[in-house]
C-alpha cells in the first residue's frame, strides 16, 4: 500500500514538472517583415560581399535563410556572405517565416569601383543555354529584377505581354488539358496590333488583346474563352457575379493562374495579374524602395523603344547607366517622345531589370480601336469595380494612371510572379 502511494505521488510530481516546463516554452513570434539593407550590388568576379538583413520584430522566432536564384553566378552562405562565381546576374533572397526580401546581384569581369575598368556583364552561360533568351529573364521568363507592389511584397515581371493561339494544347489548373497555346511575347516591345481583329475560335494566328477574365476557365461567366468578343460587359463576370475579382475562389479566371504558359515554366499556377492596389503602389508609392535619379525617385517614364511607344518601369534599386540617354521628367504624364531609346540602349536597360509595357492599343468586338492620335497602352488588373467595369492601367501621350474600363474590351495582359515562388515556396 505504501509503495502504491509513493509511486502515485512521484507520478503526480513528474506531471506537474512537465506541465511547468511546457508553460515555460516561448510562444511563436511571427515575422512582420524582412529587409535587406542593400537592394542591389555589383561585384567583381571572385569577390565576396556581406549582405545584411533586418528581421522585424527583433524577437521573431523564425530563422533567417538565404537563397540564390542562380548559384552558378553567385552563391550565398547561411550568414549572408555572397561569393561572385561567374559573370552574370541573379537575385539573393533573405527569407524568414512567410516574409522575404531580395538583393539583385550583378557580377562583372572588372572592378566596379574603377571607372576606367568597370567590367562587363556578358554572361557566357546565357549564350550557351538555349532556354535563356536574355540576361534579364530566367528560364521561366521571369525577370531577375524585382519590383515592390506593396510594403512587404515584391514580384518578378514576365518577359513580354501574354499571347494566345487556338492551335496546340496546354495544361490547366483543374487538371487535364485544353485547346490552344499560351506564350509570352519574344520581346518586351512586341505586340500583335491589327491582326487581333481576326480573333475567333478558329483563327490560328496569335492574339494579345483579351476580355477581362477570359482565361478559358468556365466559372459560370457567359464569356470566358480567350477568343470571346461579346460586347455585353456583364458577360465577363466570373461566377456570373458583379462582385468577383480574379482572386480567391475565382483565381482560375486569371490567365496566369489557370493556364500553363509555354515559355513561362509551362505549368499552371505560376503567374498572376496585378491587383489595382499593386499597380498603384508600383507606380506611385515605392519611394522608400527605389533609387533616386537627380533627386527624383526612379519609378517610371514613358518612352519610345524600337519605334514603339510604351511605359518603362524601373526595378527596385535601379541605377541608370552612363552612356544611355539621360532620363528627363521622371514619373510624369508627358510625351513618349521626350525619352527615345535606341535598341542597343534599351538592351542595356533591360539587362539591368527595366520593364517595358508597349502601347498595344485595345479591341472592341472584332475591331482594333485606334482612339488616340498615337498608340496607347491598356493593361488589366484583377480588381472589379462595378457590374460592368473593372480597374486597369492606361498610358497614352499626355496621360496615364489607373482607372475604370468596361469588361468586354480587349486589353493587354502582363503577368507577374511572386518573389517567394521563384525559390519554390508557396
Protein backbone atom coordinates (compact mmCIF):
# COMPACT_ATOMS: atom_id res chain seq x y z
CA UNK A 1 0.00 0.00 0.00
CA UNK A 2 2.79 2.43 0.95
CA UNK A 3 4.58 1.59 -2.29
CA UNK A 4 1.47 2.40 -4.33
CA UNK A 5 1.04 5.75 -2.53
CA UNK A 6 4.72 6.62 -3.11
CA UNK A 7 4.51 5.86 -6.88
CA UNK A 8 1.34 7.91 -7.19
CA UNK A 9 2.99 10.91 -5.51
CA UNK A 10 6.08 10.62 -7.70
CA UNK A 11 3.94 10.37 -10.85
CA UNK A 12 1.92 13.41 -9.86
CA UNK A 13 5.08 15.40 -9.17
CA UNK A 14 6.52 14.37 -12.57
CA UNK A 15 3.35 15.51 -14.37
CA UNK A 16 3.43 18.86 -12.56
CA UNK A 17 7.07 19.32 -13.56
CA UNK A 18 6.26 18.55 -17.20
CA UNK A 19 3.37 20.98 -17.08
CA UNK A 20 5.60 23.72 -15.72
CA UNK A 21 8.23 23.06 -18.38
CA UNK A 22 5.58 23.22 -21.11
CA UNK A 23 4.24 26.51 -19.80
CA UNK A 24 7.76 27.96 -19.95
CA UNK A 25 8.15 27.24 -23.66
CA UNK A 26 8.35 30.55 -25.59
CA UNK A 27 5.42 31.47 -27.84
CA UNK A 28 5.99 31.64 -31.58
CA UNK A 29 6.52 35.25 -32.69
CA UNK A 30 5.65 35.69 -36.37
CA UNK A 31 7.83 37.71 -38.74
CA UNK A 32 6.32 41.01 -39.90
CA UNK A 33 8.99 41.93 -42.43
CA UNK A 34 12.44 41.13 -43.79
CA UNK A 35 14.53 43.95 -45.25
CA UNK A 36 17.93 43.57 -46.92
CA UNK A 37 19.88 46.80 -46.44
CA UNK A 38 21.38 46.59 -49.94
CA UNK A 39 18.72 46.45 -52.74
CA UNK A 40 21.42 45.77 -55.35
CA UNK A 41 25.19 45.27 -55.52
CA UNK A 42 27.73 44.95 -58.33
CA UNK A 43 30.65 42.60 -57.60
CA UNK A 44 33.87 41.77 -59.38
CA UNK A 45 34.41 38.16 -60.36
CA UNK A 46 35.74 36.09 -57.45
CA UNK A 47 34.97 38.67 -54.77
CA UNK A 48 32.77 38.26 -51.68
CA UNK A 49 30.26 40.60 -50.08
CA UNK A 50 28.43 40.56 -46.77
CA UNK A 51 24.69 41.25 -47.05
CA UNK A 52 22.74 42.40 -44.02
CA UNK A 53 19.06 41.74 -43.38
CA UNK A 54 16.82 43.09 -40.65
CA UNK A 55 14.02 40.85 -39.39
CA UNK A 56 11.12 42.57 -37.63
CA UNK A 57 10.16 42.23 -34.88
CA UNK A 58 13.56 41.57 -33.38
CA UNK A 59 12.20 38.75 -31.20
CA UNK A 60 10.68 36.82 -34.13
CA UNK A 61 11.29 33.11 -33.67
CA UNK A 62 11.66 32.02 -37.33
CA UNK A 63 15.22 31.57 -38.63
CA UNK A 64 16.61 33.75 -41.40
CA UNK A 65 17.54 31.78 -44.53
CA UNK A 66 19.41 32.86 -47.67
CA UNK A 67 18.90 31.64 -51.26
CA UNK A 68 20.45 32.38 -54.66
CA UNK A 69 18.35 32.27 -57.83
CA UNK A 70 21.48 31.34 -59.83
CA UNK A 71 24.20 29.65 -57.76
CA UNK A 72 26.25 29.33 -60.94
CA UNK A 73 26.59 33.15 -60.90
CA UNK A 74 26.70 33.88 -57.16
CA UNK A 75 26.36 31.73 -54.06
CA UNK A 76 25.29 32.82 -50.59
CA UNK A 77 26.01 31.08 -47.30
CA UNK A 78 23.91 30.87 -44.15
CA UNK A 79 25.43 34.12 -42.86
CA UNK A 80 24.55 36.14 -45.97
CA UNK A 81 28.04 36.21 -47.48
CA UNK A 82 27.78 36.35 -51.29
CA UNK A 83 30.54 34.89 -53.47
CA UNK A 84 30.73 36.03 -57.11
CA UNK A 85 31.26 32.83 -59.11
CA UNK A 86 30.66 33.80 -62.76
CA UNK A 87 29.79 36.86 -64.83
CA UNK A 88 26.03 37.48 -64.95
CA UNK A 89 23.20 38.50 -62.64
CA UNK A 90 20.99 36.84 -60.05
CA UNK A 91 18.75 37.51 -57.06
CA UNK A 92 19.77 36.79 -53.47
CA UNK A 93 16.72 36.26 -51.26
CA UNK A 94 16.58 36.52 -47.47
CA UNK A 95 13.57 34.68 -46.04
CA UNK A 96 12.12 34.24 -42.56
CA UNK A 97 8.72 32.72 -41.97
CA UNK A 98 6.45 33.89 -44.80
CA UNK A 99 8.35 37.15 -45.41
CA UNK A 100 11.30 37.79 -47.71
CA UNK A 101 13.35 40.47 -49.45
CA UNK A 102 15.68 40.42 -52.45
CA UNK A 103 19.03 41.90 -53.41
CA UNK A 104 19.85 41.99 -57.13
CA UNK A 105 23.49 40.98 -57.72
CA UNK A 106 25.46 41.75 -60.87
CA UNK A 107 28.85 40.09 -61.35
CA UNK A 108 31.29 41.77 -63.75
CA UNK A 109 34.73 40.82 -65.00
CA UNK A 110 36.37 44.11 -63.95
CA UNK A 111 36.42 46.37 -60.90
CA UNK A 112 33.02 48.06 -60.40
CA UNK A 113 34.70 50.82 -58.36
CA UNK A 114 37.21 51.63 -61.13
CA UNK A 115 35.65 53.93 -63.77
CA UNK A 116 38.45 53.05 -66.21
CA UNK A 117 37.66 49.33 -66.00
CA UNK A 118 34.15 48.80 -64.59
CA UNK A 119 33.88 45.40 -66.28
CA UNK A 120 31.16 43.86 -68.40
CA UNK A 121 28.22 41.64 -67.55
CA UNK A 122 28.47 39.41 -70.61
CA UNK A 123 27.50 36.02 -69.20
CA UNK A 124 28.69 33.16 -71.44
CA UNK A 125 26.18 30.78 -69.88
CA UNK A 126 23.32 32.93 -71.19
CA UNK A 127 24.53 32.39 -74.74
CA UNK A 128 25.15 28.69 -74.23
CA UNK A 129 21.75 27.94 -72.70
CA UNK A 130 19.09 27.84 -75.45
CA UNK A 131 16.36 28.26 -72.81
CA UNK A 132 17.72 31.65 -71.68
CA UNK A 133 16.53 34.38 -74.03
CA UNK A 134 18.15 37.28 -72.19
CA UNK A 135 20.28 38.16 -69.20
CA UNK A 136 17.21 40.00 -67.92
CA UNK A 137 14.97 36.92 -67.54
CA UNK A 138 15.36 33.41 -66.17
CA UNK A 139 14.46 30.17 -67.96
CA UNK A 140 10.83 30.59 -66.86
CA UNK A 141 10.59 34.03 -68.43
CA UNK A 142 10.62 35.84 -65.06
CA UNK A 143 12.70 38.98 -64.59
CA UNK A 144 15.73 38.62 -62.36
CA UNK A 145 14.98 42.12 -61.12
CA UNK A 146 12.24 42.61 -58.56
CA UNK A 147 9.54 45.24 -58.15
CA UNK A 148 7.80 46.22 -54.92
CA UNK A 149 4.00 46.11 -55.24
CA UNK A 150 3.31 46.54 -51.51
CA UNK A 151 5.35 47.38 -48.43
CA UNK A 152 6.03 43.67 -47.86
CA UNK A 153 5.50 42.14 -51.30
CA UNK A 154 7.69 42.01 -54.42
CA UNK A 155 7.21 40.43 -57.84
CA UNK A 156 9.09 39.41 -60.95
CA UNK A 157 7.60 40.55 -64.27
CA UNK A 158 7.12 38.25 -67.26
CA UNK A 159 9.34 38.75 -70.29
CA UNK A 160 6.57 40.10 -72.52
CA UNK A 161 2.85 40.56 -73.00
CA UNK A 162 0.65 37.45 -72.95
CA UNK A 163 -0.28 35.89 -76.32
CA UNK A 164 -2.63 33.07 -77.36
CA UNK A 165 -3.33 30.87 -80.38
CA UNK A 166 -6.03 28.22 -80.82
CA UNK A 167 -3.50 25.68 -82.09
CA UNK A 168 -1.94 23.06 -79.83
CA UNK A 169 -2.97 22.30 -76.25
CA UNK A 170 -1.88 23.22 -72.73
CA UNK A 171 -2.29 22.05 -69.14
CA UNK A 172 -4.77 23.82 -66.85
CA UNK A 173 -5.12 24.19 -63.09
CA UNK A 174 -8.17 21.93 -62.81
CA UNK A 175 -6.31 19.00 -64.39
CA UNK A 176 -6.12 17.75 -67.95
CA UNK A 177 -5.55 19.94 -70.98
CA UNK A 178 -7.45 22.47 -73.05
CA UNK A 179 -7.18 23.68 -76.62
CA UNK A 180 -4.70 26.38 -77.55
CA UNK A 181 -1.22 27.59 -76.61
CA UNK A 182 -0.25 30.50 -74.36
CA UNK A 183 3.12 32.23 -74.52
CA UNK A 184 4.91 35.44 -73.60
CA UNK A 185 5.98 37.76 -76.42
CA UNK A 186 9.58 37.23 -77.50
CA UNK A 187 10.48 40.89 -76.87
CA UNK A 188 9.00 43.36 -74.42
CA UNK A 189 8.13 45.78 -77.23
CA UNK A 190 6.31 43.13 -79.33
CA UNK A 191 2.57 43.49 -79.88
CA UNK A 192 0.19 41.86 -82.40
CA UNK A 193 -1.62 45.02 -83.48
CA UNK A 194 -4.39 44.96 -86.10
CA UNK A 195 -4.24 41.16 -86.51
CA UNK A 196 -6.23 40.99 -83.26
CA UNK A 197 -9.26 41.80 -85.43
CA UNK A 198 -9.10 38.18 -86.67
CA UNK A 199 -10.00 36.87 -83.21
CA UNK A 200 -12.26 33.78 -83.27
CA UNK A 201 -12.35 30.19 -82.06
CA UNK A 202 -11.00 29.05 -85.44
CA UNK A 203 -8.35 31.71 -86.07
CA UNK A 204 -4.92 30.04 -85.85
CA UNK A 205 -2.78 33.18 -85.63
CA UNK A 206 -1.72 34.86 -82.39
CA UNK A 207 -3.74 37.41 -80.41
CA UNK A 208 -2.75 39.54 -77.40
CA UNK A 209 -5.85 41.60 -76.53
CA UNK A 210 -8.30 39.82 -74.18
CA UNK A 211 -11.64 40.48 -72.50
CA UNK A 212 -11.44 40.55 -68.70
CA UNK A 213 -11.17 37.15 -67.01
CA UNK A 214 -11.02 35.20 -70.29
CA UNK A 215 -8.60 32.54 -69.08
CA UNK A 216 -10.70 29.70 -70.52
CA UNK A 217 -11.98 28.57 -67.11
CA UNK A 218 -15.73 28.02 -67.07
CA UNK A 219 -16.71 29.79 -63.87
CA UNK A 220 -20.28 30.46 -64.91
CA UNK A 221 -19.47 33.62 -66.84
CA UNK A 222 -21.13 33.79 -70.26
CA UNK A 223 -17.86 34.95 -71.89
CA UNK A 224 -14.73 33.27 -70.57
CA UNK A 225 -12.75 31.97 -73.57
CA UNK A 226 -9.71 33.95 -74.79
CA UNK A 227 -11.44 34.39 -78.18
CA UNK A 228 -14.61 35.88 -76.62
CA UNK A 229 -15.86 39.01 -78.42
CA UNK A 230 -19.24 39.69 -76.75
CA UNK A 231 -19.97 43.42 -76.46
CA UNK A 232 -22.03 42.86 -73.30
CA UNK A 233 -19.85 43.79 -70.30
CA UNK A 234 -21.89 41.68 -67.86
CA UNK A 235 -20.99 38.53 -69.84
CA UNK A 236 -17.47 38.79 -68.36
CA UNK A 237 -18.35 38.27 -64.69
CA UNK A 238 -16.60 35.27 -63.09
CA UNK A 239 -19.24 33.16 -61.41
CA UNK A 240 -21.85 35.35 -63.14
CA UNK A 241 -21.47 37.83 -60.25
CA UNK A 242 -20.57 41.51 -60.48
CA UNK A 243 -18.67 41.33 -57.16
CA UNK A 244 -15.92 38.83 -58.06
CA UNK A 245 -12.24 39.57 -58.66
CA UNK A 246 -9.71 37.33 -60.41
CA UNK A 247 -8.58 36.14 -56.97
CA UNK A 248 -9.62 33.77 -54.19
CA UNK A 249 -12.35 31.32 -55.25
CA UNK A 250 -12.26 32.82 -58.76
CA UNK A 251 -8.47 32.92 -59.20
CA UNK A 252 -8.73 30.46 -62.11
CA UNK A 253 -10.28 33.28 -64.15
CA UNK A 254 -6.78 34.82 -64.06
CA UNK A 255 -4.89 33.84 -67.21
CA UNK A 256 -1.65 33.07 -65.35
CA UNK A 257 -3.25 31.03 -62.58
CA UNK A 258 -5.33 28.74 -64.77
CA UNK A 259 -3.03 28.16 -67.73
CA UNK A 260 0.40 26.73 -68.43
CA UNK A 261 2.43 29.35 -70.34
CA UNK A 262 4.61 27.52 -72.88
CA UNK A 263 7.69 29.72 -72.40
CA UNK A 264 6.78 30.67 -68.83
CA UNK A 265 7.53 27.44 -66.98
CA UNK A 266 4.76 25.50 -68.79
CA UNK A 267 2.84 24.77 -65.58
CA UNK A 268 -0.47 26.21 -64.35
CA UNK A 269 -0.41 28.43 -61.27
CA UNK A 270 2.97 30.05 -61.84
CA UNK A 271 1.76 33.55 -62.74
CA UNK A 272 -0.93 36.07 -61.90
CA UNK A 273 -2.28 39.53 -62.73
CA UNK A 274 -1.56 42.55 -60.52
CA UNK A 275 -4.40 43.99 -58.45
CA UNK A 276 -5.46 47.62 -58.73
CA UNK A 277 -3.69 48.38 -55.45
CA UNK A 278 -0.48 46.75 -56.66
CA UNK A 279 -0.43 48.76 -59.90
CA UNK A 280 -0.89 51.96 -57.89
CA UNK A 281 1.79 51.04 -55.37
CA UNK A 282 4.25 50.01 -58.10
CA UNK A 283 3.92 53.31 -59.93
CA UNK A 284 3.21 55.88 -57.24
CA UNK A 285 4.19 54.61 -53.77
CA UNK A 286 7.62 52.93 -53.98
CA UNK A 287 9.64 55.95 -52.80
CA UNK A 288 11.37 54.11 -49.96
CA UNK A 289 12.26 51.07 -52.10
CA UNK A 290 13.68 52.63 -55.26
CA UNK A 291 16.75 54.69 -56.10
CA UNK A 292 16.92 58.41 -56.81
CA UNK A 293 17.99 59.98 -60.10
CA UNK A 294 18.86 63.68 -59.92
CA UNK A 295 16.83 63.80 -56.73
CA UNK A 296 13.72 62.08 -58.12
CA UNK A 297 12.53 58.52 -57.42
CA UNK A 298 13.19 56.12 -60.31
CA UNK A 299 9.67 54.76 -60.71
CA UNK A 300 8.51 55.08 -64.34
CA UNK A 301 8.95 57.03 -67.58
CA UNK A 302 7.06 56.93 -70.85
CA UNK A 303 9.41 56.17 -73.72
CA UNK A 304 9.84 55.06 -77.31
CA UNK A 305 11.72 51.74 -77.65
CA UNK A 306 12.49 50.29 -81.08
CA UNK A 307 9.95 52.78 -82.54
CA UNK A 308 7.22 51.52 -80.16
CA UNK A 309 5.51 53.77 -77.61
CA UNK A 310 5.34 52.39 -74.11
CA UNK A 311 5.87 52.74 -70.39
CA UNK A 312 9.25 51.93 -68.79
CA UNK A 313 9.02 50.74 -65.17
CA UNK A 314 12.30 50.79 -63.26
CA UNK A 315 13.06 47.93 -60.82
CA UNK A 316 13.82 48.36 -57.14
CA UNK A 317 17.39 49.61 -56.73
CA UNK A 318 17.90 50.55 -60.41
CA UNK A 319 20.89 52.76 -61.28
CA UNK A 320 20.71 54.46 -64.68
CA UNK A 321 23.91 53.62 -66.62
CA UNK A 322 26.22 56.18 -68.14
CA UNK A 323 26.18 56.31 -71.93
CA UNK A 324 22.42 55.77 -72.12
CA UNK A 325 20.09 58.69 -72.93
CA UNK A 326 19.55 60.68 -69.70
CA UNK A 327 16.07 60.49 -68.17
CA UNK A 328 14.05 63.70 -68.07
CA UNK A 329 10.63 64.34 -66.50
CA UNK A 330 10.59 61.22 -64.33
CA UNK A 331 7.19 59.99 -63.09
CA UNK A 332 5.23 62.48 -65.21
CA UNK A 333 2.39 62.11 -67.71
CA UNK A 334 4.25 63.79 -70.58
CA UNK A 335 5.15 62.67 -74.09
CA UNK A 336 6.63 59.33 -75.08
CA UNK A 337 8.93 61.17 -77.46
CA UNK A 338 10.82 63.03 -74.75
CA UNK A 339 12.66 59.77 -73.95
CA UNK A 340 13.60 57.92 -77.15
CA UNK A 341 15.89 54.90 -76.78
CA UNK A 342 17.85 53.07 -79.43
CA UNK A 343 17.55 49.29 -79.40
CA UNK A 344 21.09 48.95 -78.03
CA UNK A 345 20.31 51.43 -75.23
CA UNK A 346 17.15 49.54 -74.36
CA UNK A 347 19.01 46.22 -74.21
CA UNK A 348 21.38 47.74 -71.64
CA UNK A 349 18.44 48.97 -69.55
CA UNK A 350 16.57 45.68 -69.96
CA UNK A 351 19.57 43.73 -68.71
CA UNK A 352 19.52 45.96 -65.63
CA UNK A 353 15.92 44.91 -64.98
CA UNK A 354 13.73 47.54 -66.68
CA UNK A 355 10.24 46.53 -67.82
CA UNK A 356 8.50 47.95 -70.91
CA UNK A 357 4.73 47.91 -71.39
CA UNK A 358 4.11 48.61 -75.09
CA UNK A 359 1.21 50.71 -76.32
CA UNK A 360 -0.61 47.79 -77.95
CA UNK A 361 -3.97 49.60 -78.46
CA UNK A 362 -7.24 47.88 -77.45
CA UNK A 363 -10.06 45.90 -79.05
CA UNK A 364 -13.83 46.25 -79.11
CA UNK A 365 -15.58 43.19 -80.52
CA UNK A 366 -13.55 42.32 -83.63
CA UNK A 367 -12.24 45.84 -84.20
CA UNK A 368 -8.83 47.08 -83.03
CA UNK A 369 -9.51 50.62 -81.88
CA UNK A 370 -7.10 53.48 -82.60
CA UNK A 371 -8.75 56.01 -80.33
CA UNK A 372 -5.86 58.43 -79.82
CA UNK A 373 -3.60 60.11 -82.34
CA UNK A 374 -0.72 57.99 -81.00
CA UNK A 375 -0.95 54.32 -79.93
CA UNK A 376 -1.93 53.81 -76.31
CA UNK A 377 -1.49 51.05 -73.75
CA UNK A 378 -4.24 49.46 -71.64
CA UNK A 379 -3.46 46.68 -69.15
CA UNK A 380 -5.90 44.72 -66.99
CA UNK A 381 -5.81 44.45 -63.21
CA UNK A 382 -7.51 41.60 -61.32
CA UNK A 383 -9.85 44.01 -59.47
CA UNK A 384 -13.52 44.64 -60.28
CA UNK A 385 -15.21 47.98 -59.57
CA UNK A 386 -18.87 47.55 -60.59
CA UNK A 387 -21.30 45.49 -62.62
CA UNK A 388 -19.75 46.41 -65.97
CA UNK A 389 -16.38 47.89 -65.06
CA UNK A 390 -13.02 46.78 -63.69
CA UNK A 391 -9.77 48.59 -62.93
CA UNK A 392 -6.97 48.88 -65.48
CA UNK A 393 -3.68 50.68 -66.08
CA UNK A 394 -3.64 53.05 -69.05
CA UNK A 395 -0.97 55.19 -70.68
CA UNK A 396 -1.17 57.45 -73.69
CA UNK A 397 0.62 60.58 -74.88
CA UNK A 398 -0.04 63.17 -72.19
CA UNK A 399 -1.68 61.00 -69.52
CA UNK A 400 -1.53 57.75 -67.56
CA UNK A 401 -2.94 56.18 -64.42
CA UNK A 402 -5.27 53.52 -63.03
CA UNK A 403 -8.92 53.93 -63.98
CA UNK A 404 -12.17 52.08 -64.87
CA UNK A 405 -12.69 50.09 -68.08
CA UNK A 406 -15.60 48.05 -69.42
CA UNK A 407 -15.01 44.31 -69.06
CA UNK A 408 -15.80 43.49 -72.69
CA UNK A 409 -12.93 45.45 -74.24
CA UNK A 410 -9.83 43.50 -75.28
CA UNK A 411 -6.81 44.76 -73.34
CA UNK A 412 -3.19 43.71 -72.87
CA UNK A 413 -2.19 41.30 -70.09
CA UNK A 414 1.22 41.44 -68.37
CA UNK A 415 1.66 38.73 -65.76
CA UNK A 416 3.87 38.67 -62.68
CA UNK A 417 5.30 36.03 -60.39
CA UNK A 418 5.61 36.50 -56.64
CA UNK A 419 9.20 36.58 -55.43
CA UNK A 420 8.58 33.73 -52.95
CA UNK A 421 7.57 31.46 -55.86
CA UNK A 422 10.95 31.91 -57.52
CA UNK A 423 12.58 29.91 -54.71
CA UNK A 424 9.94 27.23 -54.68
CA UNK A 425 7.90 28.36 -51.66
CA UNK A 426 4.16 28.89 -51.76
